[in-house]
N, C-alpha and C. Protein backbone atom coordinates (compact mmCIF):
# COMPACT_ATOMS: atom_id res chain seq x y z
N MET A 1 18.52 142.16 70.09
CA MET A 1 19.15 142.89 69.04
C MET A 1 19.62 141.89 67.99
N ILE A 2 19.60 142.29 66.73
CA ILE A 2 20.03 141.45 65.61
C ILE A 2 21.08 142.19 64.79
N VAL A 3 22.22 141.54 64.54
CA VAL A 3 23.26 142.14 63.67
C VAL A 3 23.48 141.14 62.50
N GLN A 4 23.56 141.69 61.34
CA GLN A 4 23.67 140.84 60.14
C GLN A 4 24.80 141.34 59.23
N LYS A 5 25.51 140.42 58.64
CA LYS A 5 26.62 140.73 57.74
C LYS A 5 26.72 139.67 56.67
N THR A 6 26.92 140.10 55.41
CA THR A 6 27.14 139.15 54.32
C THR A 6 28.64 139.16 54.00
N ILE A 7 29.19 137.95 53.89
CA ILE A 7 30.61 137.80 53.57
C ILE A 7 30.76 136.95 52.32
N THR A 8 31.85 137.11 51.67
CA THR A 8 32.17 136.27 50.51
C THR A 8 33.40 135.42 50.80
N LEU A 9 33.25 134.14 50.70
CA LEU A 9 34.38 133.24 50.90
C LEU A 9 35.20 133.17 49.65
N PRO A 10 36.50 132.85 49.75
CA PRO A 10 37.29 132.61 48.58
C PRO A 10 36.81 131.34 47.85
N GLY A 11 37.11 131.14 46.62
CA GLY A 11 36.73 129.93 45.94
C GLY A 11 37.44 128.73 46.50
N PHE A 12 36.68 127.65 46.63
CA PHE A 12 37.26 126.39 47.15
C PHE A 12 37.05 125.32 46.07
N SER A 13 37.95 124.34 46.09
CA SER A 13 37.77 123.20 45.20
C SER A 13 36.64 122.33 45.76
N ARG A 14 36.21 121.38 44.97
CA ARG A 14 35.18 120.49 45.43
C ARG A 14 35.64 119.73 46.67
N GLY A 15 34.76 119.60 47.67
CA GLY A 15 35.08 118.93 48.86
C GLY A 15 34.52 119.60 50.10
N PHE A 16 34.96 119.14 51.24
CA PHE A 16 34.52 119.65 52.51
C PHE A 16 35.66 120.45 53.15
N HIS A 17 35.35 121.72 53.41
CA HIS A 17 36.40 122.65 53.85
C HIS A 17 36.04 123.30 55.19
N LEU A 18 36.92 123.19 56.15
CA LEU A 18 36.70 123.85 57.45
C LEU A 18 36.81 125.36 57.27
N ILE A 19 35.81 126.08 57.68
CA ILE A 19 35.78 127.54 57.53
C ILE A 19 35.53 128.21 58.87
N SER A 20 35.66 127.50 59.95
CA SER A 20 35.41 128.12 61.31
C SER A 20 36.23 129.38 61.50
N ASN A 21 37.53 129.33 61.20
CA ASN A 21 38.40 130.49 61.42
C ASN A 21 37.96 131.69 60.51
N LEU A 22 37.59 131.41 59.27
CA LEU A 22 37.11 132.44 58.37
C LEU A 22 35.88 133.08 58.92
N ILE A 23 34.98 132.29 59.45
CA ILE A 23 33.73 132.86 60.02
C ILE A 23 34.07 133.72 61.25
N GLU A 24 34.81 133.15 62.16
CA GLU A 24 35.13 133.86 63.40
C GLU A 24 35.83 135.22 63.15
N ARG A 25 36.70 135.32 62.12
CA ARG A 25 37.36 136.54 61.80
C ARG A 25 36.40 137.63 61.33
N GLU A 26 35.28 137.23 60.72
CA GLU A 26 34.29 138.18 60.15
C GLU A 26 33.24 138.57 61.12
N LEU A 27 33.11 137.92 62.26
CA LEU A 27 32.05 138.22 63.19
C LEU A 27 32.26 139.54 63.96
N PRO A 28 31.19 140.22 64.19
CA PRO A 28 31.30 141.41 65.04
C PRO A 28 31.52 140.96 66.54
N ASP A 29 31.68 141.89 67.43
CA ASP A 29 31.75 141.56 68.83
C ASP A 29 30.51 140.73 69.15
N LEU A 30 30.64 139.59 69.78
CA LEU A 30 29.50 138.73 70.09
C LEU A 30 28.96 139.08 71.44
N PRO A 31 27.61 138.92 71.60
CA PRO A 31 26.99 139.14 72.91
C PRO A 31 27.40 138.07 73.88
N GLU A 32 27.12 138.27 75.16
CA GLU A 32 27.41 137.28 76.17
C GLU A 32 26.69 135.99 75.87
N THR A 33 25.44 136.03 75.53
CA THR A 33 24.67 134.87 75.12
C THR A 33 23.88 135.22 73.87
N GLY A 34 23.62 134.23 73.05
CA GLY A 34 22.84 134.47 71.84
C GLY A 34 22.96 133.30 70.89
N LEU A 35 22.71 133.59 69.61
CA LEU A 35 22.78 132.54 68.55
C LEU A 35 23.41 133.17 67.33
N LEU A 36 24.16 132.36 66.60
CA LEU A 36 24.65 132.73 65.29
C LEU A 36 24.02 131.84 64.25
N ASN A 37 23.40 132.40 63.28
CA ASN A 37 22.91 131.65 62.11
C ASN A 37 23.80 131.98 60.94
N ILE A 38 24.27 130.93 60.24
CA ILE A 38 25.03 131.08 59.02
C ILE A 38 24.22 130.48 57.89
N PHE A 39 24.00 131.26 56.84
CA PHE A 39 23.14 130.85 55.75
C PHE A 39 23.91 131.00 54.45
N ILE A 40 23.94 129.97 53.63
CA ILE A 40 24.68 130.06 52.31
C ILE A 40 23.67 130.47 51.21
N LEU A 41 24.04 131.45 50.42
CA LEU A 41 23.19 131.94 49.37
C LEU A 41 23.38 131.23 48.06
N HIS A 42 23.44 129.91 48.10
CA HIS A 42 23.71 129.12 46.87
C HIS A 42 22.98 127.74 47.00
N THR A 43 22.71 127.14 45.85
CA THR A 43 21.99 125.92 45.81
C THR A 43 22.82 124.69 45.45
N SER A 44 24.13 124.85 45.26
CA SER A 44 24.96 123.73 44.91
C SER A 44 26.11 123.60 45.92
N ALA A 45 25.99 124.20 47.08
CA ALA A 45 26.95 124.06 48.14
C ALA A 45 26.12 124.10 49.45
N GLY A 46 26.72 123.58 50.49
CA GLY A 46 25.95 123.58 51.77
C GLY A 46 26.88 123.86 52.96
N LEU A 47 26.28 123.78 54.13
CA LEU A 47 26.97 124.03 55.38
C LEU A 47 26.68 122.88 56.32
N THR A 48 27.64 122.52 57.17
CA THR A 48 27.43 121.55 58.21
C THR A 48 28.40 121.77 59.32
N ILE A 49 28.12 121.15 60.47
CA ILE A 49 29.01 121.17 61.61
C ILE A 49 29.36 119.71 61.90
N ASN A 50 30.69 119.44 61.96
CA ASN A 50 31.09 118.08 62.27
C ASN A 50 32.48 118.07 62.76
N GLU A 51 33.11 116.84 62.82
CA GLU A 51 34.45 116.70 63.36
C GLU A 51 35.46 117.52 62.61
N ASN A 52 36.36 118.18 63.36
CA ASN A 52 37.37 119.01 62.77
C ASN A 52 38.81 118.52 63.02
N ALA A 53 38.94 117.35 63.69
CA ALA A 53 40.30 116.93 64.08
C ALA A 53 41.03 116.13 62.99
N ASP A 54 40.34 115.10 62.43
CA ASP A 54 41.01 114.21 61.50
C ASP A 54 40.67 114.55 60.06
N PRO A 55 41.63 114.98 59.26
CA PRO A 55 41.31 115.32 57.87
C PRO A 55 40.75 114.15 57.03
N ASP A 56 40.94 112.91 57.44
CA ASP A 56 40.38 111.80 56.74
C ASP A 56 38.85 111.86 56.71
N VAL A 57 38.26 112.49 57.74
CA VAL A 57 36.82 112.65 57.76
C VAL A 57 36.31 113.36 56.54
N ARG A 58 37.03 114.39 56.12
CA ARG A 58 36.63 115.15 54.93
C ARG A 58 36.68 114.25 53.65
N THR A 59 37.72 113.45 53.57
CA THR A 59 37.84 112.55 52.41
C THR A 59 36.68 111.55 52.44
N ASP A 60 36.37 111.02 53.60
CA ASP A 60 35.26 110.07 53.69
C ASP A 60 33.91 110.71 53.39
N TYR A 61 33.70 111.95 53.77
CA TYR A 61 32.48 112.67 53.42
C TYR A 61 32.32 112.69 51.90
N GLU A 62 33.38 113.08 51.26
CA GLU A 62 33.35 113.23 49.75
C GLU A 62 33.04 111.84 49.15
N THR A 63 33.67 110.79 49.63
CA THR A 63 33.46 109.45 49.09
C THR A 63 32.01 109.02 49.31
N ILE A 64 31.47 109.25 50.48
CA ILE A 64 30.10 108.79 50.80
C ILE A 64 29.10 109.60 49.99
N PHE A 65 29.24 110.89 49.92
CA PHE A 65 28.28 111.70 49.13
C PHE A 65 28.29 111.29 47.65
N ASN A 66 29.50 111.02 47.12
CA ASN A 66 29.59 110.63 45.70
C ASN A 66 29.02 109.24 45.45
N LYS A 67 29.10 108.35 46.40
CA LYS A 67 28.46 107.03 46.25
C LYS A 67 26.93 107.15 46.34
N LEU A 68 26.45 108.00 47.22
CA LEU A 68 25.04 108.21 47.38
C LEU A 68 24.38 108.86 46.16
N ILE A 69 25.12 109.91 45.67
CA ILE A 69 24.58 110.74 44.58
C ILE A 69 25.63 110.89 43.48
N PRO A 70 25.69 109.92 42.60
CA PRO A 70 26.75 109.91 41.57
C PRO A 70 26.46 110.96 40.46
N GLU A 71 27.51 111.34 39.80
CA GLU A 71 27.40 112.12 38.55
C GLU A 71 26.98 111.22 37.37
N ASN A 72 26.49 111.86 36.32
CA ASN A 72 26.19 111.21 35.05
C ASN A 72 25.09 110.12 35.18
N ASP A 73 24.21 110.29 36.10
CA ASP A 73 23.09 109.36 36.25
C ASP A 73 22.17 109.57 35.02
N PRO A 74 21.84 108.54 34.28
CA PRO A 74 21.02 108.74 33.09
C PRO A 74 19.59 109.24 33.40
N ASP A 75 19.18 109.14 34.66
CA ASP A 75 17.82 109.60 35.02
C ASP A 75 17.78 111.10 35.28
N TYR A 76 18.86 111.78 35.35
CA TYR A 76 18.89 113.23 35.59
C TYR A 76 18.31 113.95 34.32
N VAL A 77 17.47 114.89 34.54
CA VAL A 77 16.94 115.71 33.49
C VAL A 77 17.67 117.08 33.41
N HIS A 78 17.96 117.65 34.57
CA HIS A 78 18.63 118.95 34.66
C HIS A 78 20.14 118.70 34.47
N THR A 79 20.60 118.75 33.19
CA THR A 79 21.98 118.44 32.88
C THR A 79 22.73 119.60 32.13
N ILE A 80 22.02 120.69 31.88
CA ILE A 80 22.54 121.74 31.03
C ILE A 80 23.78 122.40 31.61
N GLU A 81 23.91 122.39 32.98
CA GLU A 81 25.04 123.08 33.61
C GLU A 81 26.19 122.16 33.91
N GLY A 82 26.17 120.95 33.39
CA GLY A 82 27.30 120.05 33.61
C GLY A 82 26.98 118.86 34.46
N PRO A 83 27.78 117.83 34.40
CA PRO A 83 27.50 116.61 35.12
C PRO A 83 27.57 116.71 36.64
N ASP A 84 28.27 117.74 37.18
CA ASP A 84 28.37 117.91 38.58
C ASP A 84 27.22 118.79 39.21
N ASP A 85 26.39 119.41 38.32
CA ASP A 85 25.44 120.39 38.81
C ASP A 85 24.26 119.71 39.52
N MET A 86 23.51 118.85 38.86
CA MET A 86 22.35 118.26 39.53
C MET A 86 22.73 117.50 40.76
N PRO A 87 23.76 116.67 40.74
CA PRO A 87 24.23 116.03 41.99
C PRO A 87 24.52 117.04 43.09
N ALA A 88 25.11 118.22 42.72
CA ALA A 88 25.39 119.23 43.72
C ALA A 88 24.15 119.78 44.37
N HIS A 89 23.06 119.94 43.58
CA HIS A 89 21.81 120.41 44.15
C HIS A 89 21.26 119.41 45.16
N VAL A 90 21.27 118.12 44.80
CA VAL A 90 20.79 117.10 45.71
C VAL A 90 21.62 116.98 46.96
N LYS A 91 22.91 117.04 46.79
CA LYS A 91 23.84 116.99 47.96
C LYS A 91 23.61 118.18 48.91
N SER A 92 23.41 119.34 48.30
CA SER A 92 23.18 120.49 49.18
C SER A 92 21.84 120.44 49.92
N THR A 93 20.90 119.77 49.31
CA THR A 93 19.60 119.56 50.01
C THR A 93 19.80 118.62 51.20
N LEU A 94 20.57 117.59 50.99
CA LEU A 94 20.83 116.67 52.12
C LEU A 94 21.65 117.30 53.21
N CYS A 95 22.57 118.11 52.84
CA CYS A 95 23.50 118.77 53.78
C CYS A 95 22.85 119.91 54.52
N GLY A 96 22.15 120.74 53.78
CA GLY A 96 21.48 121.93 54.34
C GLY A 96 22.16 123.23 54.00
N SER A 97 21.36 124.28 54.11
CA SER A 97 21.87 125.60 53.71
C SER A 97 22.16 126.53 54.88
N SER A 98 22.00 126.02 56.09
CA SER A 98 22.28 126.88 57.23
C SER A 98 22.66 126.05 58.48
N VAL A 99 23.38 126.70 59.37
CA VAL A 99 23.68 126.09 60.65
C VAL A 99 23.44 127.17 61.76
N MET A 100 23.06 126.73 62.90
CA MET A 100 22.80 127.60 64.05
C MET A 100 23.71 127.20 65.17
N ILE A 101 24.42 128.19 65.75
CA ILE A 101 25.45 127.88 66.79
C ILE A 101 25.17 128.79 67.99
N PRO A 102 25.09 128.16 69.17
CA PRO A 102 24.89 128.98 70.39
C PRO A 102 26.10 129.87 70.68
N ILE A 103 25.85 130.99 71.27
CA ILE A 103 26.91 131.93 71.73
C ILE A 103 26.85 131.88 73.25
N THR A 104 27.96 131.55 73.89
CA THR A 104 28.03 131.46 75.31
C THR A 104 29.30 132.19 75.78
N SER A 105 29.19 133.05 76.76
CA SER A 105 30.34 133.79 77.26
C SER A 105 31.09 134.54 76.16
N GLY A 106 30.30 135.06 75.21
CA GLY A 106 30.84 135.88 74.11
C GLY A 106 31.61 135.10 73.03
N ARG A 107 31.45 133.74 73.00
CA ARG A 107 32.16 132.91 72.04
C ARG A 107 31.20 131.91 71.45
N LEU A 108 31.59 131.44 70.24
CA LEU A 108 30.78 130.34 69.64
C LEU A 108 30.96 129.08 70.53
N ASN A 109 29.86 128.52 70.81
CA ASN A 109 29.88 127.39 71.75
C ASN A 109 29.86 126.04 70.93
N LEU A 110 30.98 125.79 70.27
CA LEU A 110 31.13 124.55 69.54
C LEU A 110 31.79 123.54 70.44
N GLY A 111 31.51 122.25 70.17
CA GLY A 111 32.11 121.17 70.93
C GLY A 111 33.64 121.08 70.63
N THR A 112 34.30 120.36 71.44
CA THR A 112 35.74 120.25 71.35
C THR A 112 36.20 119.86 69.93
N TRP A 113 35.51 118.95 69.30
CA TRP A 113 35.92 118.44 67.97
C TRP A 113 35.03 118.94 66.90
N GLN A 114 34.29 119.97 67.07
CA GLN A 114 33.38 120.47 66.07
C GLN A 114 33.94 121.66 65.32
N GLY A 115 33.67 121.64 64.00
CA GLY A 115 34.06 122.76 63.13
C GLY A 115 32.96 123.03 62.16
N ILE A 116 33.00 124.24 61.58
CA ILE A 116 32.03 124.66 60.58
C ILE A 116 32.60 124.32 59.19
N TYR A 117 31.81 123.64 58.41
CA TYR A 117 32.28 123.22 57.09
C TYR A 117 31.49 123.92 55.97
N LEU A 118 32.23 124.34 54.94
CA LEU A 118 31.61 124.61 53.64
C LEU A 118 31.69 123.31 52.87
N CYS A 119 30.55 122.88 52.38
CA CYS A 119 30.50 121.69 51.59
C CYS A 119 30.36 122.09 50.14
N GLU A 120 31.46 122.08 49.40
CA GLU A 120 31.47 122.52 48.02
C GLU A 120 31.23 121.31 47.13
N PHE A 121 30.10 121.33 46.42
CA PHE A 121 29.69 120.19 45.64
C PHE A 121 29.97 120.36 44.11
N ARG A 122 30.39 121.53 43.72
CA ARG A 122 30.70 121.75 42.29
C ARG A 122 32.19 121.61 42.11
N ASN A 123 32.58 121.16 40.91
CA ASN A 123 34.01 121.05 40.62
C ASN A 123 34.68 122.43 40.73
N ARG A 124 33.98 123.46 40.23
CA ARG A 124 34.48 124.84 40.33
C ARG A 124 33.35 125.73 40.74
N GLY A 125 33.07 125.72 42.01
CA GLY A 125 31.91 126.45 42.52
C GLY A 125 32.12 127.98 42.57
N GLY A 126 33.38 128.40 42.71
CA GLY A 126 33.62 129.83 42.78
C GLY A 126 33.42 130.38 44.18
N ARG A 127 33.41 131.68 44.28
CA ARG A 127 33.26 132.36 45.59
C ARG A 127 31.84 132.17 46.06
N ARG A 128 31.69 131.91 47.36
CA ARG A 128 30.35 131.65 47.91
C ARG A 128 30.03 132.72 48.96
N LYS A 129 28.81 133.17 48.91
CA LYS A 129 28.38 134.19 49.88
C LYS A 129 27.61 133.56 51.03
N LEU A 130 27.89 134.07 52.22
CA LEU A 130 27.24 133.64 53.45
C LEU A 130 26.64 134.83 54.13
N VAL A 131 25.48 134.61 54.76
CA VAL A 131 24.85 135.64 55.59
C VAL A 131 25.06 135.16 57.03
N LEU A 132 25.72 136.04 57.81
CA LEU A 132 25.93 135.77 59.25
C LEU A 132 24.95 136.62 60.02
N THR A 133 24.12 136.02 60.81
CA THR A 133 23.15 136.76 61.64
C THR A 133 23.35 136.38 63.09
N VAL A 134 23.61 137.41 63.88
CA VAL A 134 23.83 137.25 65.33
C VAL A 134 22.58 137.74 66.04
N TYR A 135 22.00 136.81 66.85
CA TYR A 135 20.79 137.14 67.68
C TYR A 135 21.24 137.25 69.11
N SER A 136 20.89 138.35 69.79
CA SER A 136 21.24 138.46 71.22
C SER A 136 19.97 138.76 72.03
């Protein structure tokens, strides 16, 4: 059986934001075993799963991504939407647009220190839509 729901997240500032609790609040009753796929319907933000304990990790993510893919690179051609747009597209490609999480005993089977992140790469990305698909 497949259950699917589209949700809209509130707007977040640029950076890496833990959204595990927001996702879990929106989920239907989960099967005993299965999979959850989360897909973001945008090209300038991404999703990832990583450490959720130390907030410094989020700061370091932002620093590393900005060093790898800086704004205002003179080689960029797609610049009409602002200096943060093209870098946001590249960053979202590196990060990815979906995550898959196993469901075990009716719960998301994340590791002890794992959380689901929205990776907002625009200065003002606005509300982001996610498609949640539960496979049982």
